Amino acid sequence: MHNCSVQLRYNFRLYPTPGQCQALARAFGCARTVFNDRLRCPSPSAESLPG
């Protein structure tokens, strides 16, 4: 038997309403803040990793 896998790819665009744009901007802004805060304060366990 042959083991075949098919990979599908979809292309789509979003056209959010003004209210949805505000909600998306707020969500991505919060995610960016959390990410930047995490980069600024590395955990002690990260310092003990090799590399």
PDB file of N, CA and C in Angstrom:
ATOM      1  N   MET A   1       0.834  -1.199   0.000  1.00  0.00           N
ATOM      2  CA  MET A   1       0.000   0.000   0.000  1.00  0.00           C
ATOM      3  C   MET A   1       0.872   1.253   0.000  1.00  0.00           C
ATOM      4  N   HIS A   2       0.375   2.267  -0.629  1.00  0.00           N
ATOM      5  CA  HIS A   2       1.064   3.541  -0.661  1.00  0.00           C
ATOM      6  C   HIS A   2       0.479   4.469   0.380  1.00  0.00           C
ATOM      7  N   ASN A   3       1.351   5.183   1.022  1.00  0.00           N
ATOM      8  CA  ASN A   3       0.901   6.159   2.014  1.00  0.00           C
ATOM      9  C   ASN A   3       0.957   7.537   1.367  1.00  0.00           C
ATOM     10  N   CYS A   4      -0.177   8.032   0.903  1.00  0.00           N
ATOM     11  CA  CYS A   4      -0.245   9.334   0.232  1.00  0.00           C
ATOM     12  C   CYS A   4      -0.941  10.334   1.139  1.00  0.00           C
ATOM     13  N   SER A   5      -0.431  11.528   1.117  1.00  0.00           N
ATOM     14  CA  SER A   5      -1.130  12.578   1.849  1.00  0.00           C
ATOM     15  C   SER A   5      -1.359  13.743   0.898  1.00  0.00           C
ATOM     16  N   VAL A   6      -2.508  14.333   1.028  1.00  0.00           N
ATOM     17  CA  VAL A   6      -2.882  15.460   0.186  1.00  0.00           C
ATOM     18  C   VAL A   6      -2.922  16.698   1.064  1.00  0.00           C
ATOM     19  N   GLN A   7      -2.200  17.704   0.645  1.00  0.00           N
ATOM     20  CA  GLN A   7      -2.200  18.956   1.390  1.00  0.00           C
ATOM     21  C   GLN A   7      -3.013  19.976   0.611  1.00  0.00           C
ATOM     22  N   LEU A   8      -4.000  20.542   1.275  1.00  0.00           N
ATOM     23  CA  LEU A   8      -4.837  21.544   0.650  1.00  0.00           C
ATOM     24  C   LEU A   8      -4.477  22.915   1.195  1.00  0.00           C
ATOM     25  N   ARG A   9      -4.587  23.910   0.356  1.00  0.00           N
ATOM     26  CA  ARG A   9      -4.313  25.274   0.791  1.00  0.00           C
ATOM     27  C   ARG A   9      -5.437  26.167   0.291  1.00  0.00           C
ATOM     28  N   TYR A  10      -5.942  26.982   1.197  1.00  0.00           N
ATOM     29  CA  TYR A  10      -7.025  27.885   0.853  1.00  0.00           C
ATOM     30  C   TYR A  10      -6.541  29.320   0.942  1.00  0.00           C
ATOM     31  N   ASN A  11      -7.005  30.137   0.054  1.00  0.00           N
ATOM     32  CA  ASN A  11      -6.691  31.561   0.046  1.00  0.00           C
ATOM     33  C   ASN A  11      -7.986  32.316   0.277  1.00  0.00           C
ATOM     34  N   PHE A  12      -8.013  33.200   1.267  1.00  0.00           N
ATOM     35  CA  PHE A  12      -9.220  33.962   1.509  1.00  0.00           C
ATOM     36  C   PHE A  12      -8.863  35.309   2.112  1.00  0.00           C
ATOM     37  N   ARG A  13      -9.778  36.243   2.010  1.00  0.00           N
ATOM     38  CA  ARG A  13      -9.599  37.576   2.585  1.00  0.00           C
ATOM     39  C   ARG A  13     -10.747  37.849   3.531  1.00  0.00           C
ATOM     40  N   LEU A  14     -10.471  38.656   4.518  1.00  0.00           N
ATOM     41  CA  LEU A  14     -11.508  39.079   5.468  1.00  0.00           C
ATOM     42  C   LEU A  14     -11.837  40.542   5.222  1.00  0.00           C
ATOM     43  N   TYR A  15     -13.082  40.866   5.324  1.00  0.00           N
ATOM     44  CA  TYR A  15     -13.523  42.247   5.207  1.00  0.00           C
ATOM     45  C   TYR A  15     -14.336  42.581   6.462  1.00  0.00           C
ATOM     46  N   PRO A  16     -13.637  42.844   7.577  1.00  0.00           N
ATOM     47  CA  PRO A  16     -14.353  43.075   8.841  1.00  0.00           C
ATOM     48  C   PRO A  16     -15.083  44.421   8.838  1.00  0.00           C
ATOM     49  N   THR A  17     -16.132  44.460   9.624  1.00  0.00           N
ATOM     50  CA  THR A  17     -16.869  45.704   9.821  1.00  0.00           C
ATOM     51  C   THR A  17     -16.025  46.622  10.692  1.00  0.00           C
ATOM     52  N   PRO A  18     -16.358  47.905  10.787  1.00  0.00           N
ATOM     53  CA  PRO A  18     -15.585  48.808  11.659  1.00  0.00           C
ATOM     54  C   PRO A  18     -15.514  48.323  13.112  1.00  0.00           C
ATOM     55  N   GLY A  19     -16.604  47.779  13.630  1.00  0.00           N
ATOM     56  CA  GLY A  19     -16.590  47.249  15.002  1.00  0.00           C
ATOM     57  C   GLY A  19     -15.665  46.064  15.150  1.00  0.00           C
ATOM     58  N   GLN A  20     -15.671  45.199  14.137  1.00  0.00           N
ATOM     59  CA  GLN A  20     -14.774  44.045  14.155  1.00  0.00           C
ATOM     60  C   GLN A  20     -13.318  44.480  14.030  1.00  0.00           C
ATOM     61  N   CYS A  21     -13.066  45.551  13.252  1.00  0.00           N
ATOM     62  CA  CYS A  21     -11.701  46.083  13.132  1.00  0.00           C
ATOM     63  C   CYS A  21     -11.194  46.548  14.489  1.00  0.00           C
ATOM     64  N   GLN A  22     -12.044  47.227  15.223  1.00  0.00           N
ATOM     65  CA  GLN A  22     -11.645  47.695  16.559  1.00  0.00           C
ATOM     66  C   GLN A  22     -11.361  46.512  17.479  1.00  0.00           C
ATOM     67  N   ALA A  23     -12.212  45.491  17.440  1.00  0.00           N
ATOM     68  CA  ALA A  23     -12.014  44.319  18.294  1.00  0.00           C
ATOM     69  C   ALA A  23     -10.728  43.585  17.919  1.00  0.00           C
ATOM     70  N   LEU A  24     -10.466  43.453  16.623  1.00  0.00           N
ATOM     71  CA  LEU A  24      -9.229  42.792  16.182  1.00  0.00           C
ATOM     72  C   LEU A  24      -8.002  43.597  16.592  1.00  0.00           C
ATOM     73  N   ALA A  25      -8.072  44.918  16.440  1.00  0.00           N
ATOM     74  CA  ALA A  25      -6.941  45.758  16.825  1.00  0.00           C
ATOM     75  C   ALA A  25      -6.676  45.645  18.324  1.00  0.00           C
ATOM     76  N   ARG A  26      -7.734  45.588  19.114  1.00  0.00           N
ATOM     77  CA  ARG A  26      -7.582  45.452  20.567  1.00  0.00           C
ATOM     78  C   ARG A  26      -6.963  44.102  20.902  1.00  0.00           C
ATOM     79  N   ALA A  27      -7.440  43.032  20.265  1.00  0.00           N
ATOM     80  CA  ALA A  27      -6.928  41.688  20.554  1.00  0.00           C
ATOM     81  C   ALA A  27      -5.459  41.562  20.151  1.00  0.00           C
ATOM     82  N   PHE A  28      -5.110  42.041  18.950  1.00  0.00           N
ATOM     83  CA  PHE A  28      -3.720  41.948  18.515  1.00  0.00           C
ATOM     84  C   PHE A  28      -2.819  42.874  19.320  1.00  0.00           C
ATOM     85  N   GLY A  29      -3.343  44.004  19.754  1.00  0.00           N
ATOM     86  CA  GLY A  29      -2.571  44.907  20.602  1.00  0.00           C
ATOM     87  C   GLY A  29      -2.246  44.265  21.939  1.00  0.00           C
ATOM     88  N   CYS A  30      -3.239  43.579  22.517  1.00  0.00           N
ATOM     89  CA  CYS A  30      -3.008  42.877  23.791  1.00  0.00           C
ATOM     90  C   CYS A  30      -1.995  41.749  23.613  1.00  0.00           C
ATOM     91  N   ALA A  31      -2.119  41.003  22.522  1.00  0.00           N
ATOM     92  CA  ALA A  31      -1.177  39.910  22.274  1.00  0.00           C
ATOM     93  C   ALA A  31       0.235  40.446  22.093  1.00  0.00           C
ATOM     94  N   ARG A  32       0.362  41.561  21.408  1.00  0.00           N
ATOM     95  CA  ARG A  32       1.685  42.161  21.197  1.00  0.00           C
ATOM     96  C   ARG A  32       2.275  42.627  22.527  1.00  0.00           C
ATOM     97  N   THR A  33       1.446  43.197  23.394  1.00  0.00           N
ATOM     98  CA  THR A  33       1.918  43.654  24.697  1.00  0.00           C
ATOM     99  C   THR A  33       2.406  42.476  25.538  1.00  0.00           C
ATOM    100  N   VAL A  34       1.631  41.405  25.559  1.00  0.00           N
ATOM    101  CA  VAL A  34       2.023  40.219  26.330  1.00  0.00           C
ATOM    102  C   VAL A  34       3.332  39.643  25.781  1.00  0.00           C
ATOM    103  N   PHE A  35       3.444  39.565  24.460  1.00  0.00           N
ATOM    104  CA  PHE A  35       4.656  39.035  23.834  1.00  0.00           C
ATOM    105  C   PHE A  35       5.870  39.892  24.189  1.00  0.00           C
ATOM    106  N   ASN A  36       5.727  41.212  24.072  1.00  0.00           N
ATOM    107  CA  ASN A  36       6.844  42.105  24.383  1.00  0.00           C
ATOM    108  C   ASN A  36       7.225  42.045  25.860  1.00  0.00           C
ATOM    109  N   ASP A  37       6.232  41.956  26.749  1.00  0.00           N
ATOM    110  CA  ASP A  37       6.526  41.829  28.176  1.00  0.00           C
ATOM    111  C   ASP A  37       7.280  40.538  28.458  1.00  0.00           C
ATOM    112  N   ARG A  38       6.907  39.477  27.784  1.00  0.00           N
ATOM    113  CA  ARG A  38       7.577  38.191  27.979  1.00  0.00           C
ATOM    114  C   ARG A  38       9.020  38.253  27.490  1.00  0.00           C
ATOM    115  N   LEU A  39       9.261  38.948  26.402  1.00  0.00           N
ATOM    116  CA  LEU A  39      10.634  39.094  25.917  1.00  0.00           C
ATOM    117  C   LEU A  39      11.480  39.916  26.881  1.00  0.00           C
ATOM    118  N   ARG A  40      10.862  40.899  27.510  1.00  0.00           N
ATOM    119  CA  ARG A  40      11.586  41.772  28.424  1.00  0.00           C
ATOM    120  C   ARG A  40      11.974  41.067  29.721  1.00  0.00           C
ATOM    121  N   CYS A  41      11.190  40.086  30.150  1.00  0.00           N
ATOM    122  CA  CYS A  41      11.408  39.413  31.436  1.00  0.00           C
ATOM    123  C   CYS A  41      11.553  37.922  31.239  1.00  0.00           C
ATOM    124  N   PRO A  42      12.705  37.450  30.793  1.00  0.00           N
ATOM    125  CA  PRO A  42      12.855  36.005  30.578  1.00  0.00           C
ATOM    126  C   PRO A  42      12.812  35.263  31.913  1.00  0.00           C
ATOM    127  N   SER A  43      12.300  34.045  31.867  1.00  0.00           N
ATOM    128  CA  SER A  43      12.207  33.251  33.098  1.00  0.00           C
ATOM    129  C   SER A  43      13.568  32.663  33.438  1.00  0.00           C
ATOM    130  N   PRO A  44      13.794  32.373  34.705  1.00  0.00           N
ATOM    131  CA  PRO A  44      15.079  31.762  35.100  1.00  0.00           C
ATOM    132  C   PRO A  44      15.308  30.403  34.426  1.00  0.00           C
ATOM    133  N   SER A  45      14.242  29.650  34.155  1.00  0.00           N
ATOM    134  CA  SER A  45      14.419  28.345  33.532  1.00  0.00           C
ATOM    135  C   SER A  45      14.913  28.496  32.095  1.00  0.00           C
ATOM    136  N   ALA A  46      14.571  29.573  31.424  1.00  0.00           N
ATOM    137  CA  ALA A  46      15.042  29.793  30.054  1.00  0.00           C
ATOM    138  C   ALA A  46      16.555  30.027  30.013  1.00  0.00           C
ATOM    139  N   GLU A  47      17.099  30.605  31.073  1.00  0.00           N
ATOM    140  CA  GLU A  47      18.529  30.867  31.123  1.00  0.00           C
ATOM    141  C   GLU A  47      19.341  29.584  31.278  1.00  0.00           C
ATOM    142  N   SER A  48      18.724  28.530  31.825  1.00  0.00           N
ATOM    143  CA  SER A  48      19.464  27.286  32.049  1.00  0.00           C
ATOM    144  C   SER A  48      19.424  26.372  30.835  1.00  0.00           C
ATOM    145  N   LEU A  49      18.689  26.730  29.778  1.00  0.00           N
ATOM    146  CA  LEU A  49      18.642  25.898  28.586  1.00  0.00           C
ATOM    147  C   LEU A  49      19.957  25.987  27.801  1.00  0.00           C
ATOM    148  N   PRO A  50      20.370  24.872  27.205  1.00  0.00           N
ATOM    149  CA  PRO A  50      21.602  24.928  26.410  1.00  0.00           C
ATOM    150  C   PRO A  50      21.402  25.727  25.143  1.00  0.00           C
ATOM    151  N   GLY A  51      22.454  26.319  24.670  1.00  0.00           N
ATOM    152  CA  GLY A  51      22.347  27.040  23.416  1.00  0.00           C
ATOM    153  C   GLY A  51      22.682  28.416  23.566  1.00  0.00           C
TER     154      GLY A  51
END
